[in-house]
Amino acid sequence: MRQREHTYELTVRWTGDRGTGTSGYREFGREHDVLAEGKPALAGSADPFFHGDADRWNPEELLLAALAQCHMLSYLAQCSSNGVVVTGYTDEPVGTMTETLGVGEFTSVLLRPVVTVADADSVERARALHEPAHEACFIARSVNFPVRHEARIEVAG
């Protein structure tokens, strides 16, 4: 089996210096930009609970988004390879982070995709393909907490 490596690079630039740097925990902003060549900047911050800006993406949301995107892309590939025509896909995932004495970690993520298929005869195949999609998802394979999925399959029309 041939092994390949993929390298990803980006820049995270802190923009939250309010003139006094990190002179106090409440004295600095959590704002930052996530930059990658040729792509628009992603405005980031901390979760508002941790003194962040609610109008910007926080790392916890980005992790949840990465898991949902990865599952969707793996799932669509599985469907394409197995003759299931998907005409719509929406997910509203939920992630749980547990914090103890100021240190937190994700303890679970639940993906809740709603998949629309073109043909009623493919509903059961569409449902079954979520498991191999999960097994193929690079991001889900990289985290140390359970990522579950509760899919709903609908038929177009």
C-alpha atoms as a PDB file:
ATOM      1  CA  MET A   1       0.000   0.000   0.000  1.00  0.00           C
ATOM      2  CA  ARG A   2       1.398   3.324  -1.067  1.00  0.00           C
ATOM      3  CA  GLN A   3       1.466   5.985   1.618  1.00  0.00           C
ATOM      4  CA  ARG A   4       1.000   9.643   0.724  1.00  0.00           C
ATOM      5  CA  GLU A   5       1.407  12.734   2.835  1.00  0.00           C
ATOM      6  CA  HIS A   6      -0.580  15.924   2.444  1.00  0.00           C
ATOM      7  CA  THR A   7       0.652  19.128   4.024  1.00  0.00           C
ATOM      8  CA  TYR A   8      -1.603  22.064   4.822  1.00  0.00           C
ATOM      9  CA  GLU A   9      -0.334  25.536   5.616  1.00  0.00           C
ATOM     10  CA  LEU A  10      -1.983  28.723   6.741  1.00  0.00           C
ATOM     11  CA  THR A  11      -1.320  31.772   8.871  1.00  0.00           C
ATOM     12  CA  VAL A  12      -3.092  32.760  12.070  1.00  0.00           C
ATOM     13  CA  ARG A  13      -2.485  36.444  12.826  1.00  0.00           C
ATOM     14  CA  TRP A  14      -3.580  37.952  16.148  1.00  0.00           C
ATOM     15  CA  THR A  15      -5.207  41.365  15.693  1.00  0.00           C
ATOM     16  CA  GLY A  16      -6.439  41.898  19.251  1.00  0.00           C
ATOM     17  CA  ASP A  17      -3.719  44.117  20.714  1.00  0.00           C
ATOM     18  CA  ARG A  18      -5.619  47.037  22.286  1.00  0.00           C
ATOM     19  CA  GLY A  19      -2.472  49.010  22.957  1.00  0.00           C
ATOM     20  CA  THR A  20      -1.243  47.204  26.067  1.00  0.00           C
ATOM     21  CA  GLY A  21      -0.687  43.708  24.689  1.00  0.00           C
ATOM     22  CA  THR A  22      -1.459  40.920  27.125  1.00  0.00           C
ATOM     23  CA  SER A  23      -0.930  43.072  30.221  1.00  0.00           C
ATOM     24  CA  GLY A  24      -4.069  41.530  31.765  1.00  0.00           C
ATOM     25  CA  TYR A  25      -6.509  38.758  30.924  1.00  0.00           C
ATOM     26  CA  ARG A  26      -9.290  41.217  30.167  1.00  0.00           C
ATOM     27  CA  GLU A  27      -6.991  43.746  28.509  1.00  0.00           C
ATOM     28  CA  PHE A  28      -6.469  42.029  25.163  1.00  0.00           C
ATOM     29  CA  GLY A  29      -8.799  41.127  22.331  1.00  0.00           C
ATOM     30  CA  ARG A  30      -9.166  37.577  21.078  1.00  0.00           C
ATOM     31  CA  GLU A  31      -9.616  38.727  17.461  1.00  0.00           C
ATOM     32  CA  HIS A  32      -7.456  37.104  14.835  1.00  0.00           C
ATOM     33  CA  ASP A  33      -7.470  36.314  11.140  1.00  0.00           C
ATOM     34  CA  VAL A  34      -6.977  32.907   9.564  1.00  0.00           C
ATOM     35  CA  LEU A  35      -5.238  33.345   6.225  1.00  0.00           C
ATOM     36  CA  ALA A  36      -4.398  30.987   3.378  1.00  0.00           C
ATOM     37  CA  GLU A  37      -2.963  31.963   0.046  1.00  0.00           C
ATOM     38  CA  GLY A  38      -5.624  32.786  -2.519  1.00  0.00           C
ATOM     39  CA  LYS A  39      -8.538  32.592  -0.076  1.00  0.00           C
ATOM     40  CA  PRO A  40     -10.531  35.242   1.762  1.00  0.00           C
ATOM     41  CA  ALA A  41      -9.523  35.846   5.365  1.00  0.00           C
ATOM     42  CA  LEU A  42     -11.554  34.068   8.000  1.00  0.00           C
ATOM     43  CA  ALA A  43     -12.318  36.338  10.963  1.00  0.00           C
ATOM     44  CA  GLY A  44     -11.719  34.428  14.187  1.00  0.00           C
ATOM     45  CA  SER A  45     -12.014  35.041  17.907  1.00  0.00           C
ATOM     46  CA  ALA A  46     -12.652  33.143  21.114  1.00  0.00           C
ATOM     47  CA  ASP A  47     -16.081  31.969  22.174  1.00  0.00           C
ATOM     48  CA  PRO A  48     -17.897  34.903  23.814  1.00  0.00           C
ATOM     49  CA  PHE A  49     -17.775  33.048  27.143  1.00  0.00           C
ATOM     50  CA  PHE A  50     -13.979  33.372  26.938  1.00  0.00           C
ATOM     51  CA  HIS A  51     -14.132  37.117  26.149  1.00  0.00           C
ATOM     52  CA  GLY A  52     -14.344  36.654  22.398  1.00  0.00           C
ATOM     53  CA  ASP A  53     -16.275  38.459  19.692  1.00  0.00           C
ATOM     54  CA  ALA A  54     -19.588  36.716  18.914  1.00  0.00           C
ATOM     55  CA  ASP A  55     -19.498  38.093  15.351  1.00  0.00           C
ATOM     56  CA  ARG A  56     -16.386  36.032  14.509  1.00  0.00           C
ATOM     57  CA  TRP A  57     -15.814  32.293  14.139  1.00  0.00           C
ATOM     58  CA  ASN A  58     -14.313  30.556  17.148  1.00  0.00           C
ATOM     59  CA  PRO A  59     -12.095  27.436  17.082  1.00  0.00           C
ATOM     60  CA  GLU A  60     -14.836  25.247  18.536  1.00  0.00           C
ATOM     61  CA  GLU A  61     -17.231  26.192  15.730  1.00  0.00           C
ATOM     62  CA  LEU A  62     -14.502  25.619  13.157  1.00  0.00           C
ATOM     63  CA  LEU A  63     -13.800  22.125  14.513  1.00  0.00           C
ATOM     64  CA  LEU A  64     -17.507  21.311  14.350  1.00  0.00           C
ATOM     65  CA  ALA A  65     -17.688  22.705  10.803  1.00  0.00           C
ATOM     66  CA  ALA A  66     -14.644  20.651   9.743  1.00  0.00           C
ATOM     67  CA  LEU A  67     -16.245  17.452  11.028  1.00  0.00           C
ATOM     68  CA  ALA A  68     -19.558  18.196   9.300  1.00  0.00           C
ATOM     69  CA  GLN A  69     -17.872  19.185   6.019  1.00  0.00           C
ATOM     70  CA  CYS A  70     -15.639  16.136   6.010  1.00  0.00           C
ATOM     71  CA  HIS A  71     -18.545  13.759   6.625  1.00  0.00           C
ATOM     72  CA  MET A  72     -20.616  15.429   3.912  1.00  0.00           C
ATOM     73  CA  LEU A  73     -17.835  15.223   1.333  1.00  0.00           C
ATOM     74  CA  SER A  74     -17.072  11.589   2.216  1.00  0.00           C
ATOM     75  CA  TYR A  75     -20.781  10.750   2.105  1.00  0.00           C
ATOM     76  CA  LEU A  76     -21.360  12.394  -1.282  1.00  0.00           C
ATOM     77  CA  ALA A  77     -18.401  10.460  -2.694  1.00  0.00           C
ATOM     78  CA  GLN A  78     -19.810   7.203  -1.271  1.00  0.00           C
ATOM     79  CA  CYS A  79     -23.210   7.940  -2.800  1.00  0.00           C
ATOM     80  CA  SER A  80     -21.708   8.765  -6.172  1.00  0.00           C
ATOM     81  CA  SER A  81     -19.702   5.519  -6.177  1.00  0.00           C
ATOM     82  CA  ASN A  82     -22.717   3.451  -5.132  1.00  0.00           C
ATOM     83  CA  GLY A  83     -25.371   4.791  -7.492  1.00  0.00           C
ATOM     84  CA  VAL A  84     -27.282   6.910  -4.978  1.00  0.00           C
ATOM     85  CA  VAL A  85     -28.262  10.267  -6.462  1.00  0.00           C
ATOM     86  CA  VAL A  86     -28.285  12.941  -3.771  1.00  0.00           C
ATOM     87  CA  THR A  87     -30.012  16.203  -4.669  1.00  0.00           C
ATOM     88  CA  GLY A  88     -29.800  17.961  -1.300  1.00  0.00           C
ATOM     89  CA  TYR A  89     -27.769  17.810   1.913  1.00  0.00           C
ATOM     90  CA  THR A  90     -28.019  19.939   5.040  1.00  0.00           C
ATOM     91  CA  ASP A  91     -26.451  19.301   8.424  1.00  0.00           C
ATOM     92  CA  GLU A  92     -26.972  21.035  11.753  1.00  0.00           C
ATOM     93  CA  PRO A  93     -24.323  19.383  13.921  1.00  0.00           C
ATOM     94  CA  VAL A  94     -24.030  19.768  17.673  1.00  0.00           C
ATOM     95  CA  GLY A  95     -20.768  19.511  19.588  1.00  0.00           C
ATOM     96  CA  THR A  96     -20.349  19.176  23.334  1.00  0.00           C
ATOM     97  CA  MET A  97     -17.299  20.522  25.119  1.00  0.00           C
ATOM     98  CA  THR A  98     -16.830  19.823  28.810  1.00  0.00           C
ATOM     99  CA  GLU A  99     -14.823  22.281  30.851  1.00  0.00           C
ATOM    100  CA  THR A 100     -13.324  21.398  34.228  1.00  0.00           C
ATOM    101  CA  LEU A 101     -11.351  23.967  36.211  1.00  0.00           C
ATOM    102  CA  GLY A 102     -10.738  26.102  33.137  1.00  0.00           C
ATOM    103  CA  VAL A 103      -9.574  23.264  30.882  1.00  0.00           C
ATOM    104  CA  GLY A 104     -11.956  21.955  28.272  1.00  0.00           C
ATOM    105  CA  GLU A 105     -12.213  19.261  25.661  1.00  0.00           C
ATOM    106  CA  PHE A 106     -14.795  18.067  23.207  1.00  0.00           C
ATOM    107  CA  THR A 107     -16.544  14.983  24.511  1.00  0.00           C
ATOM    108  CA  SER A 108     -18.840  14.304  21.554  1.00  0.00           C
ATOM    109  CA  VAL A 109     -20.185  15.549  18.263  1.00  0.00           C
ATOM    110  CA  LEU A 110     -23.516  14.608  16.748  1.00  0.00           C
ATOM    111  CA  LEU A 111     -23.943  15.147  13.015  1.00  0.00           C
ATOM    112  CA  ARG A 112     -27.569  15.494  11.944  1.00  0.00           C
ATOM    113  CA  PRO A 113     -27.605  15.427   8.153  1.00  0.00           C
ATOM    114  CA  VAL A 114     -30.835  15.672   6.217  1.00  0.00           C
ATOM    115  CA  VAL A 115     -30.223  14.049   2.854  1.00  0.00           C
ATOM    116  CA  THR A 116     -32.540  14.304  -0.133  1.00  0.00           C
ATOM    117  CA  VAL A 117     -32.275  11.500  -2.685  1.00  0.00           C
ATOM    118  CA  ALA A 118     -33.739  11.439  -6.174  1.00  0.00           C
ATOM    119  CA  ASP A 119     -35.270   7.955  -5.928  1.00  0.00           C
ATOM    120  CA  ALA A 120     -37.300   6.261  -3.178  1.00  0.00           C
ATOM    121  CA  ASP A 121     -35.647   2.932  -4.011  1.00  0.00           C
ATOM    122  CA  SER A 122     -32.292   4.295  -2.800  1.00  0.00           C
ATOM    123  CA  VAL A 123     -33.385   5.402   0.690  1.00  0.00           C
ATOM    124  CA  GLU A 124     -31.975   2.373   2.553  1.00  0.00           C
ATOM    125  CA  ARG A 125     -28.712   2.428   0.563  1.00  0.00           C
ATOM    126  CA  ALA A 126     -28.427   6.153   1.279  1.00  0.00           C
ATOM    127  CA  ARG A 127     -28.896   5.509   5.002  1.00  0.00           C
ATOM    128  CA  ALA A 128     -26.334   2.682   5.036  1.00  0.00           C
ATOM    129  CA  LEU A 129     -23.648   4.758   3.300  1.00  0.00           C
ATOM    130  CA  HIS A 130     -23.247   7.068   6.304  1.00  0.00           C
ATOM    131  CA  GLU A 131     -21.183   4.432   8.108  1.00  0.00           C
ATOM    132  CA  PRO A 132     -18.505   3.977   5.396  1.00  0.00           C
ATOM    133  CA  ALA A 133     -18.498   7.771   4.935  1.00  0.00           C
ATOM    134  CA  HIS A 134     -17.767   8.143   8.642  1.00  0.00           C
ATOM    135  CA  GLU A 135     -14.961   5.583   8.419  1.00  0.00           C
ATOM    136  CA  ALA A 136     -13.447   7.486   5.472  1.00  0.00           C
ATOM    137  CA  CYS A 137     -13.657  10.955   7.031  1.00  0.00           C
ATOM    138  CA  PHE A 138     -10.101  12.174   7.670  1.00  0.00           C
ATOM    139  CA  ILE A 139     -11.153  14.665  10.335  1.00  0.00           C
ATOM    140  CA  ALA A 140     -13.336  12.227  12.318  1.00  0.00           C
ATOM    141  CA  ARG A 141     -10.479   9.698  12.228  1.00  0.00           C
ATOM    142  CA  SER A 142      -8.192  12.354  13.737  1.00  0.00           C
ATOM    143  CA  VAL A 143     -10.155  13.280  16.861  1.00  0.00           C
ATOM    144  CA  ASN A 144     -10.210  11.452  20.200  1.00  0.00           C
ATOM    145  CA  PHE A 145     -13.934  11.783  20.950  1.00  0.00           C
ATOM    146  CA  PRO A 146     -16.962  10.069  19.430  1.00  0.00           C
ATOM    147  CA  VAL A 147     -18.501  11.541  16.290  1.00  0.00           C
ATOM    148  CA  ARG A 148     -21.942  10.068  15.774  1.00  0.00           C
ATOM    149  CA  HIS A 149     -24.475  10.660  13.038  1.00  0.00           C
ATOM    150  CA  GLU A 150     -28.258  10.595  13.022  1.00  0.00           C
ATOM    151  CA  ALA A 151     -29.233  10.996   9.404  1.00  0.00           C
ATOM    152  CA  ARG A 152     -32.671  11.638   8.000  1.00  0.00           C
ATOM    153  CA  ILE A 153     -33.261  10.581   4.391  1.00  0.00           C
ATOM    154  CA  GLU A 154     -35.943  12.256   2.301  1.00  0.00           C
ATOM    155  CA  VAL A 155     -37.062  11.682  -1.281  1.00  0.00           C
ATOM    156  CA  ALA A 156     -37.107  14.596  -3.741  1.00  0.00           C
ATOM    157  CA  GLY A 157     -40.468  15.814  -4.947  1.00  0.00           C
END
